[in-house]
């Protein structure tokens, strides 16, 4: 059965009702993992896991629990890379579905930008998260669920 893991530390509020609606509709076991309590809303399908404070504690917990074919919602590219390496799926808050074909590119770009910032160069961060981003996420999330769930059974891809 498909399970969803949410890297809750930076989850935009606009995504919470979108995710919750699908989780409840499809009865998908979901785990929100963060270093503080993050609430999606009331649902019997959502479990909250609070980890110790620390840069990657939530990431480590997600990877530890993750099984092949599960989905992780995260904007953390190194976490997405770890997820892909376990033959699971990752989607970011803006609806980008990471894959074996594109994750190394995203990781290289992230590392390049981090190096530029460390050299003291000012770089622009991502544009503010908005309604169009939420809509794009919703479309990609729904497509993913349609592709990977059939009558409540996880499809192996």
N, C-alpha and C. Protein backbone atom coordinates (compact mmCIF):
# COMPACT_ATOMS: atom_id res chain seq x y z
N UNK A 1 0.84 -1.19 0.00
CA UNK A 1 0.00 0.00 0.00
C UNK A 1 0.88 1.25 0.00
N UNK A 2 0.53 2.19 -0.83
CA UNK A 2 1.24 3.45 -0.90
C UNK A 2 1.14 4.21 0.43
N UNK A 3 2.26 4.74 0.86
CA UNK A 3 2.28 5.62 2.03
C UNK A 3 2.91 6.93 1.60
N UNK A 4 2.47 8.00 2.23
CA UNK A 4 3.00 9.33 1.94
C UNK A 4 3.73 9.83 3.17
N UNK A 5 4.90 10.42 2.94
CA UNK A 5 5.68 11.06 3.99
C UNK A 5 5.80 12.53 3.62
N UNK A 6 5.58 13.38 4.60
CA UNK A 6 5.68 14.82 4.38
C UNK A 6 6.79 15.37 5.24
N UNK A 7 7.76 16.00 4.58
CA UNK A 7 8.82 16.73 5.28
C UNK A 7 8.16 18.02 5.73
N UNK A 8 7.71 18.03 6.97
CA UNK A 8 6.80 19.07 7.44
C UNK A 8 7.41 20.41 7.80
N UNK A 9 8.72 20.49 7.93
CA UNK A 9 9.34 21.72 8.42
C UNK A 9 9.05 22.96 7.57
N UNK A 10 8.90 22.78 6.26
CA UNK A 10 8.69 23.95 5.41
C UNK A 10 7.47 23.80 4.51
N UNK A 11 6.49 23.02 4.94
CA UNK A 11 5.31 22.78 4.11
C UNK A 11 4.44 24.04 4.05
N UNK A 12 4.21 24.57 2.83
CA UNK A 12 3.35 25.76 2.71
C UNK A 12 1.91 25.46 3.15
N UNK A 13 1.32 26.40 3.85
CA UNK A 13 -0.05 26.23 4.33
C UNK A 13 -1.05 26.01 3.20
N UNK A 14 -0.79 26.60 2.03
CA UNK A 14 -1.71 26.43 0.90
C UNK A 14 -1.84 24.98 0.46
N UNK A 15 -0.83 24.16 0.76
CA UNK A 15 -0.87 22.76 0.32
C UNK A 15 -1.61 21.85 1.29
N UNK A 16 -1.76 22.27 2.51
CA UNK A 16 -2.36 21.40 3.52
C UNK A 16 -3.75 20.90 3.15
N UNK A 17 -4.69 21.76 2.74
CA UNK A 17 -6.02 21.24 2.38
C UNK A 17 -6.00 20.37 1.13
N UNK A 18 -5.10 20.67 0.20
CA UNK A 18 -4.99 19.87 -1.03
C UNK A 18 -4.56 18.45 -0.68
N UNK A 19 -3.53 18.34 0.13
CA UNK A 19 -3.01 17.03 0.53
C UNK A 19 -4.03 16.28 1.37
N UNK A 20 -4.60 16.96 2.35
CA UNK A 20 -5.55 16.33 3.27
C UNK A 20 -6.76 15.78 2.53
N UNK A 21 -7.26 16.53 1.56
CA UNK A 21 -8.43 16.09 0.79
C UNK A 21 -8.14 14.75 0.08
N UNK A 22 -6.98 14.63 -0.55
CA UNK A 22 -6.65 13.40 -1.27
C UNK A 22 -6.35 12.24 -0.32
N UNK A 23 -5.66 12.54 0.77
CA UNK A 23 -5.35 11.51 1.76
C UNK A 23 -6.65 10.89 2.29
N UNK A 24 -7.60 11.73 2.63
CA UNK A 24 -8.86 11.23 3.17
C UNK A 24 -9.71 10.54 2.10
N UNK A 25 -9.74 11.10 0.91
CA UNK A 25 -10.52 10.50 -0.17
C UNK A 25 -10.02 9.10 -0.49
N UNK A 26 -8.68 8.93 -0.55
CA UNK A 26 -8.09 7.66 -0.96
C UNK A 26 -7.64 6.80 0.23
N UNK A 27 -7.81 7.34 1.45
CA UNK A 27 -7.42 6.63 2.67
C UNK A 27 -5.95 6.17 2.63
N UNK A 28 -5.08 7.13 2.35
CA UNK A 28 -3.65 6.85 2.24
C UNK A 28 -2.98 7.11 3.58
N UNK A 29 -2.30 6.13 4.15
CA UNK A 29 -1.56 6.36 5.39
C UNK A 29 -0.48 7.42 5.13
N UNK A 30 -0.48 8.44 5.96
CA UNK A 30 0.42 9.58 5.77
C UNK A 30 1.13 9.91 7.07
N UNK A 31 2.40 10.26 6.93
CA UNK A 31 3.24 10.59 8.08
C UNK A 31 3.83 11.97 7.87
N UNK A 32 3.54 12.88 8.79
CA UNK A 32 4.12 14.21 8.76
C UNK A 32 5.28 14.20 9.75
N UNK A 33 6.49 14.40 9.24
CA UNK A 33 7.69 14.30 10.06
C UNK A 33 8.34 15.68 10.13
N UNK A 34 8.57 16.15 11.36
CA UNK A 34 9.18 17.47 11.55
C UNK A 34 9.78 17.54 12.95
N UNK A 35 10.52 18.61 13.22
CA UNK A 35 11.10 18.76 14.56
C UNK A 35 10.18 19.56 15.48
N UNK A 36 8.97 19.84 15.02
CA UNK A 36 7.93 20.43 15.85
C UNK A 36 6.60 19.96 15.29
N UNK A 37 5.54 20.07 16.06
CA UNK A 37 4.23 19.60 15.60
C UNK A 37 3.73 20.47 14.45
N UNK A 38 3.46 19.83 13.34
CA UNK A 38 2.90 20.47 12.16
C UNK A 38 1.55 19.80 11.93
N UNK A 39 0.50 20.57 11.78
CA UNK A 39 -0.83 20.01 11.63
C UNK A 39 -1.37 20.24 10.23
N UNK A 40 -1.81 19.16 9.59
CA UNK A 40 -2.47 19.26 8.29
C UNK A 40 -3.96 19.53 8.49
N UNK A 41 -4.49 18.98 9.54
CA UNK A 41 -5.91 19.03 9.82
C UNK A 41 -6.30 17.70 10.43
N UNK A 42 -7.55 17.57 10.80
CA UNK A 42 -8.01 16.34 11.44
C UNK A 42 -8.21 15.25 10.40
N UNK A 43 -7.59 14.10 10.67
CA UNK A 43 -7.73 12.96 9.78
C UNK A 43 -7.24 11.71 10.49
N UNK A 44 -7.96 10.64 10.31
CA UNK A 44 -7.53 9.35 10.87
C UNK A 44 -6.38 8.76 10.06
N UNK A 45 -6.13 9.33 8.88
CA UNK A 45 -5.09 8.80 8.00
C UNK A 45 -3.73 9.46 8.21
N UNK A 46 -3.66 10.47 9.06
CA UNK A 46 -2.42 11.22 9.24
C UNK A 46 -1.81 10.92 10.61
N UNK A 47 -0.53 10.59 10.59
CA UNK A 47 0.25 10.37 11.81
C UNK A 47 1.33 11.44 11.88
N UNK A 48 1.51 11.99 13.06
CA UNK A 48 2.51 13.04 13.24
C UNK A 48 3.69 12.48 14.02
N UNK A 49 4.88 12.72 13.48
CA UNK A 49 6.10 12.26 14.13
C UNK A 49 6.99 13.47 14.37
N UNK A 50 7.28 13.74 15.64
CA UNK A 50 8.16 14.85 16.00
C UNK A 50 9.52 14.25 16.35
N UNK A 51 10.54 14.72 15.63
CA UNK A 51 11.91 14.24 15.85
C UNK A 51 12.69 15.27 16.65
N UNK A 52 13.86 14.87 17.13
CA UNK A 52 14.73 15.79 17.84
C UNK A 52 15.14 16.94 16.92
N UNK A 53 15.45 18.08 17.53
CA UNK A 53 15.94 19.22 16.76
C UNK A 53 17.27 18.83 16.12
N UNK A 54 17.50 19.32 14.94
CA UNK A 54 18.73 19.01 14.22
C UNK A 54 18.48 19.14 12.74
N UNK A 55 19.51 19.52 12.03
CA UNK A 55 19.38 19.85 10.61
C UNK A 55 18.71 18.76 9.78
N UNK A 56 19.08 17.52 9.96
CA UNK A 56 18.57 16.46 9.09
C UNK A 56 17.82 15.36 9.83
N UNK A 57 17.39 15.62 11.05
CA UNK A 57 16.73 14.56 11.83
C UNK A 57 15.44 14.09 11.17
N UNK A 58 14.63 15.01 10.66
CA UNK A 58 13.39 14.62 9.98
C UNK A 58 13.71 13.82 8.72
N UNK A 59 14.73 14.25 7.98
CA UNK A 59 15.13 13.54 6.76
C UNK A 59 15.53 12.11 7.09
N UNK A 60 16.35 11.94 8.11
CA UNK A 60 16.81 10.60 8.50
C UNK A 60 15.62 9.70 8.87
N UNK A 61 14.66 10.25 9.59
CA UNK A 61 13.49 9.46 10.01
C UNK A 61 12.66 9.04 8.80
N UNK A 62 12.47 9.96 7.87
CA UNK A 62 11.70 9.64 6.66
C UNK A 62 12.39 8.52 5.89
N UNK A 63 13.69 8.64 5.67
CA UNK A 63 14.43 7.63 4.91
C UNK A 63 14.40 6.28 5.64
N UNK A 64 14.48 6.32 6.95
CA UNK A 64 14.43 5.09 7.75
C UNK A 64 13.10 4.36 7.58
N UNK A 65 12.00 5.10 7.53
CA UNK A 65 10.66 4.50 7.46
C UNK A 65 10.23 4.16 6.03
N UNK A 66 10.79 4.83 5.07
CA UNK A 66 10.40 4.77 3.66
C UNK A 66 10.54 3.37 3.07
N UNK A 67 9.56 3.01 2.26
CA UNK A 67 9.63 1.75 1.52
C UNK A 67 9.54 2.05 0.02
N UNK A 68 10.01 1.12 -0.76
CA UNK A 68 9.98 1.27 -2.21
C UNK A 68 8.57 1.60 -2.67
N UNK A 69 8.47 2.59 -3.55
CA UNK A 69 7.19 2.97 -4.11
C UNK A 69 6.43 4.04 -3.34
N UNK A 70 6.86 4.35 -2.10
CA UNK A 70 6.20 5.39 -1.31
C UNK A 70 6.48 6.77 -1.91
N UNK A 71 5.74 7.77 -1.46
CA UNK A 71 5.89 9.14 -1.93
C UNK A 71 6.32 10.03 -0.78
N UNK A 72 7.29 10.91 -1.06
CA UNK A 72 7.73 11.92 -0.09
C UNK A 72 7.46 13.29 -0.69
N UNK A 73 6.84 14.15 0.10
CA UNK A 73 6.61 15.55 -0.31
C UNK A 73 7.65 16.38 0.42
N UNK A 74 8.56 16.99 -0.35
CA UNK A 74 9.66 17.75 0.24
C UNK A 74 10.22 18.75 -0.75
N UNK A 75 10.75 19.84 -0.22
CA UNK A 75 11.49 20.81 -1.04
C UNK A 75 12.99 20.61 -0.85
N UNK A 76 13.37 19.63 -0.06
CA UNK A 76 14.76 19.35 0.27
C UNK A 76 15.35 18.41 -0.79
N UNK A 77 16.20 18.97 -1.65
CA UNK A 77 16.74 18.20 -2.78
C UNK A 77 17.64 17.04 -2.32
N UNK A 78 18.53 17.23 -1.32
CA UNK A 78 19.29 16.07 -0.87
C UNK A 78 18.40 14.95 -0.31
N UNK A 79 17.32 15.31 0.37
CA UNK A 79 16.38 14.28 0.83
C UNK A 79 15.73 13.60 -0.37
N UNK A 80 15.32 14.37 -1.36
CA UNK A 80 14.71 13.79 -2.57
C UNK A 80 15.68 12.81 -3.23
N UNK A 81 16.96 13.14 -3.25
CA UNK A 81 17.97 12.25 -3.82
C UNK A 81 18.02 10.92 -3.06
N UNK A 82 17.98 10.99 -1.73
CA UNK A 82 17.98 9.78 -0.91
C UNK A 82 16.72 8.95 -1.15
N UNK A 83 15.59 9.63 -1.33
CA UNK A 83 14.31 8.95 -1.58
C UNK A 83 14.38 8.21 -2.92
N UNK A 84 14.86 8.88 -3.95
CA UNK A 84 14.96 8.28 -5.28
C UNK A 84 15.89 7.07 -5.24
N UNK A 85 16.97 7.17 -4.46
CA UNK A 85 17.92 6.05 -4.39
C UNK A 85 17.30 4.81 -3.72
N UNK A 86 16.20 5.00 -2.98
CA UNK A 86 15.49 3.87 -2.36
C UNK A 86 14.30 3.40 -3.23
N UNK A 87 14.29 3.82 -4.49
CA UNK A 87 13.21 3.46 -5.43
C UNK A 87 11.84 3.90 -4.95
N UNK A 88 11.83 5.07 -4.33
CA UNK A 88 10.57 5.69 -3.93
C UNK A 88 10.42 6.97 -4.77
N UNK A 89 9.39 7.75 -4.48
CA UNK A 89 9.08 8.93 -5.28
C UNK A 89 9.15 10.18 -4.41
N UNK A 90 9.50 11.31 -5.05
CA UNK A 90 9.55 12.58 -4.34
C UNK A 90 8.96 13.66 -5.23
N UNK A 91 8.19 14.53 -4.61
CA UNK A 91 7.60 15.68 -5.29
C UNK A 91 7.84 16.90 -4.42
N UNK A 92 8.16 18.03 -5.06
CA UNK A 92 8.38 19.24 -4.25
C UNK A 92 7.10 20.05 -4.15
N UNK A 93 7.17 21.11 -3.37
CA UNK A 93 5.99 21.92 -3.07
C UNK A 93 5.42 22.64 -4.29
N UNK A 94 6.21 22.76 -5.32
CA UNK A 94 5.76 23.43 -6.53
C UNK A 94 5.32 22.43 -7.61
N UNK A 95 5.31 21.14 -7.25
CA UNK A 95 4.80 20.14 -8.17
C UNK A 95 5.86 19.46 -9.02
N UNK A 96 7.13 19.72 -8.78
CA UNK A 96 8.18 19.05 -9.54
C UNK A 96 8.35 17.63 -9.03
N UNK A 97 8.15 16.67 -9.91
CA UNK A 97 8.33 15.27 -9.54
C UNK A 97 9.77 14.89 -9.84
N UNK A 98 10.50 14.57 -8.79
CA UNK A 98 11.90 14.18 -8.96
C UNK A 98 11.95 12.74 -9.45
N UNK A 99 12.96 12.45 -10.25
CA UNK A 99 13.13 11.10 -10.79
C UNK A 99 14.61 10.77 -10.92
N UNK A 100 14.90 9.53 -11.26
CA UNK A 100 16.29 9.14 -11.51
C UNK A 100 16.88 9.95 -12.66
N UNK A 101 16.02 10.39 -13.58
CA UNK A 101 16.48 11.14 -14.74
C UNK A 101 16.84 12.59 -14.42
N UNK A 102 16.23 13.18 -13.39
CA UNK A 102 16.47 14.61 -13.16
C UNK A 102 17.07 14.96 -11.80
N UNK A 103 17.13 14.04 -10.86
CA UNK A 103 17.53 14.40 -9.50
C UNK A 103 18.99 14.85 -9.43
N UNK A 104 19.87 14.25 -10.19
CA UNK A 104 21.28 14.64 -10.15
C UNK A 104 21.47 16.07 -10.67
N UNK A 105 20.68 16.46 -11.66
CA UNK A 105 20.72 17.84 -12.17
C UNK A 105 20.29 18.82 -11.08
N UNK A 106 19.18 18.52 -10.41
CA UNK A 106 18.70 19.40 -9.33
C UNK A 106 19.71 19.48 -8.19
N UNK A 107 20.32 18.37 -7.87
CA UNK A 107 21.31 18.33 -6.80
C UNK A 107 22.55 19.14 -7.19
N UNK A 108 23.00 19.02 -8.43
CA UNK A 108 24.16 19.78 -8.90
C UNK A 108 23.87 21.28 -8.88
N UNK A 109 22.67 21.67 -9.31
CA UNK A 109 22.30 23.10 -9.30
C UNK A 109 22.24 23.63 -7.87
N UNK A 110 21.68 22.85 -6.97
CA UNK A 110 21.61 23.25 -5.57
C UNK A 110 23.00 23.45 -5.00
N UNK A 111 23.89 22.49 -5.26
CA UNK A 111 25.25 22.58 -4.75
C UNK A 111 26.01 23.75 -5.35
N UNK A 112 25.80 24.03 -6.63
CA UNK A 112 26.43 25.18 -7.28
C UNK A 112 25.98 26.48 -6.63
N UNK A 113 24.69 26.63 -6.42
CA UNK A 113 24.17 27.85 -5.81
C UNK A 113 24.66 28.01 -4.38
N UNK A 114 24.77 26.90 -3.66
CA UNK A 114 25.29 26.94 -2.29
C UNK A 114 26.76 27.40 -2.30
N UNK A 115 27.54 26.91 -3.25
CA UNK A 115 28.95 27.32 -3.35
C UNK A 115 29.07 28.80 -3.68
N UNK A 116 28.22 29.28 -4.56
CA UNK A 116 28.24 30.70 -4.92
C UNK A 116 27.91 31.56 -3.70
N UNK A 117 26.92 31.14 -2.92
CA UNK A 117 26.55 31.89 -1.71
C UNK A 117 27.69 31.86 -0.69
N UNK A 118 28.36 30.72 -0.57
CA UNK A 118 29.47 30.61 0.38
C UNK A 118 30.64 31.52 0.01
N UNK A 119 30.76 31.84 -1.28
CA UNK A 119 31.82 32.75 -1.74
C UNK A 119 31.43 34.21 -1.51
N UNK A 120 30.25 34.42 -0.95
CA UNK A 120 29.82 35.78 -0.64
C UNK A 120 28.98 36.44 -1.71
N UNK A 121 28.70 35.74 -2.77
CA UNK A 121 27.86 36.29 -3.83
C UNK A 121 26.40 36.24 -3.39
N UNK A 122 25.70 37.29 -3.71
CA UNK A 122 24.28 37.33 -3.38
C UNK A 122 23.50 36.67 -4.52
N UNK A 123 22.68 35.71 -4.17
CA UNK A 123 21.84 35.05 -5.17
C UNK A 123 20.40 35.20 -4.73
N UNK A 124 19.54 35.17 -5.71
CA UNK A 124 18.11 35.24 -5.41
C UNK A 124 17.64 33.87 -4.97
N UNK A 125 16.81 33.85 -3.97
CA UNK A 125 16.18 32.60 -3.56
C UNK A 125 15.00 32.32 -4.46
N UNK A 126 14.26 31.29 -4.16
CA UNK A 126 13.08 31.00 -4.97
C UNK A 126 12.03 32.11 -4.80
N UNK A 127 11.24 32.26 -5.84
CA UNK A 127 10.16 33.26 -5.76
C UNK A 127 9.18 32.84 -4.67
N UNK A 128 8.47 33.80 -4.09
CA UNK A 128 7.50 33.45 -3.03
C UNK A 128 6.49 32.42 -3.53
N UNK A 129 6.11 31.52 -2.63
CA UNK A 129 5.14 30.49 -2.95
C UNK A 129 3.76 31.12 -3.08
N UNK A 130 3.06 30.82 -4.16
CA UNK A 130 1.75 31.43 -4.37
C UNK A 130 0.70 30.44 -4.84
N UNK A 131 -0.46 30.97 -5.17
CA UNK A 131 -1.61 30.15 -5.57
C UNK A 131 -1.31 29.33 -6.81
N UNK A 132 -0.60 29.89 -7.79
CA UNK A 132 -0.27 29.13 -9.01
C UNK A 132 0.61 27.94 -8.68
N UNK A 133 1.54 28.13 -7.73
CA UNK A 133 2.38 27.02 -7.30
C UNK A 133 1.53 25.93 -6.66
N UNK A 134 0.59 26.32 -5.82
CA UNK A 134 -0.30 25.36 -5.16
C UNK A 134 -1.13 24.60 -6.19
N UNK A 135 -1.62 25.30 -7.21
CA UNK A 135 -2.41 24.65 -8.25
C UNK A 135 -1.56 23.67 -9.05
N UNK A 136 -0.32 24.05 -9.35
CA UNK A 136 0.57 23.15 -10.09
C UNK A 136 0.86 21.91 -9.24
N UNK A 137 1.12 22.11 -7.95
CA UNK A 137 1.33 20.97 -7.05
C UNK A 137 0.11 20.06 -7.07
N UNK A 138 -1.08 20.64 -6.91
CA UNK A 138 -2.32 19.84 -6.86
C UNK A 138 -2.47 19.00 -8.13
N UNK A 139 -2.20 19.59 -9.28
CA UNK A 139 -2.31 18.85 -10.54
C UNK A 139 -1.33 17.69 -10.60
N UNK A 140 -0.08 17.94 -10.24
CA UNK A 140 0.95 16.90 -10.29
C UNK A 140 0.68 15.82 -9.24
N UNK A 141 0.26 16.23 -8.05
CA UNK A 141 -0.05 15.30 -6.97
C UNK A 141 -1.19 14.37 -7.39
N UNK A 142 -2.24 14.96 -7.97
CA UNK A 142 -3.38 14.16 -8.43
C UNK A 142 -2.98 13.20 -9.54
N UNK A 143 -2.14 13.66 -10.49
CA UNK A 143 -1.66 12.78 -11.56
C UNK A 143 -0.87 11.62 -10.99
N UNK A 144 0.00 11.93 -10.03
CA UNK A 144 0.80 10.88 -9.41
C UNK A 144 -0.11 9.84 -8.76
N UNK A 145 -1.07 10.30 -7.98
CA UNK A 145 -1.96 9.38 -7.27
C UNK A 145 -2.79 8.54 -8.25
N UNK A 146 -3.26 9.15 -9.34
CA UNK A 146 -4.02 8.40 -10.33
C UNK A 146 -3.15 7.32 -10.98
N UNK A 147 -1.90 7.66 -11.23
CA UNK A 147 -0.99 6.73 -11.88
C UNK A 147 -0.58 5.58 -10.96
N UNK A 148 -0.44 5.85 -9.67
CA UNK A 148 0.13 4.87 -8.75
C UNK A 148 -0.88 4.16 -7.85
N UNK A 149 -2.13 4.56 -7.93
CA UNK A 149 -3.14 3.89 -7.10
C UNK A 149 -4.29 3.46 -8.00
N UNK A 150 -4.64 2.21 -7.86
CA UNK A 150 -5.78 1.69 -8.60
C UNK A 150 -6.59 0.86 -7.64
N UNK A 151 -7.77 1.33 -7.33
CA UNK A 151 -8.64 0.63 -6.38
C UNK A 151 -7.96 0.41 -5.03
N UNK A 152 -7.17 1.40 -4.61
CA UNK A 152 -6.53 1.32 -3.29
C UNK A 152 -5.30 0.45 -3.25
N UNK A 153 -4.83 -0.05 -4.39
CA UNK A 153 -3.66 -0.92 -4.42
C UNK A 153 -2.51 -0.18 -5.08
N UNK A 154 -1.34 -0.25 -4.45
CA UNK A 154 -0.15 0.41 -4.99
C UNK A 154 0.30 -0.32 -6.25
N UNK A 155 0.55 0.45 -7.29
CA UNK A 155 1.11 -0.12 -8.51
C UNK A 155 2.63 -0.06 -8.42
N UNK A 156 3.28 -1.09 -8.83
CA UNK A 156 4.74 -1.07 -8.90
C UNK A 156 5.14 -0.52 -10.25
N UNK A 157 6.03 0.46 -10.24
CA UNK A 157 6.46 1.09 -11.49
C UNK A 157 7.92 0.81 -11.69
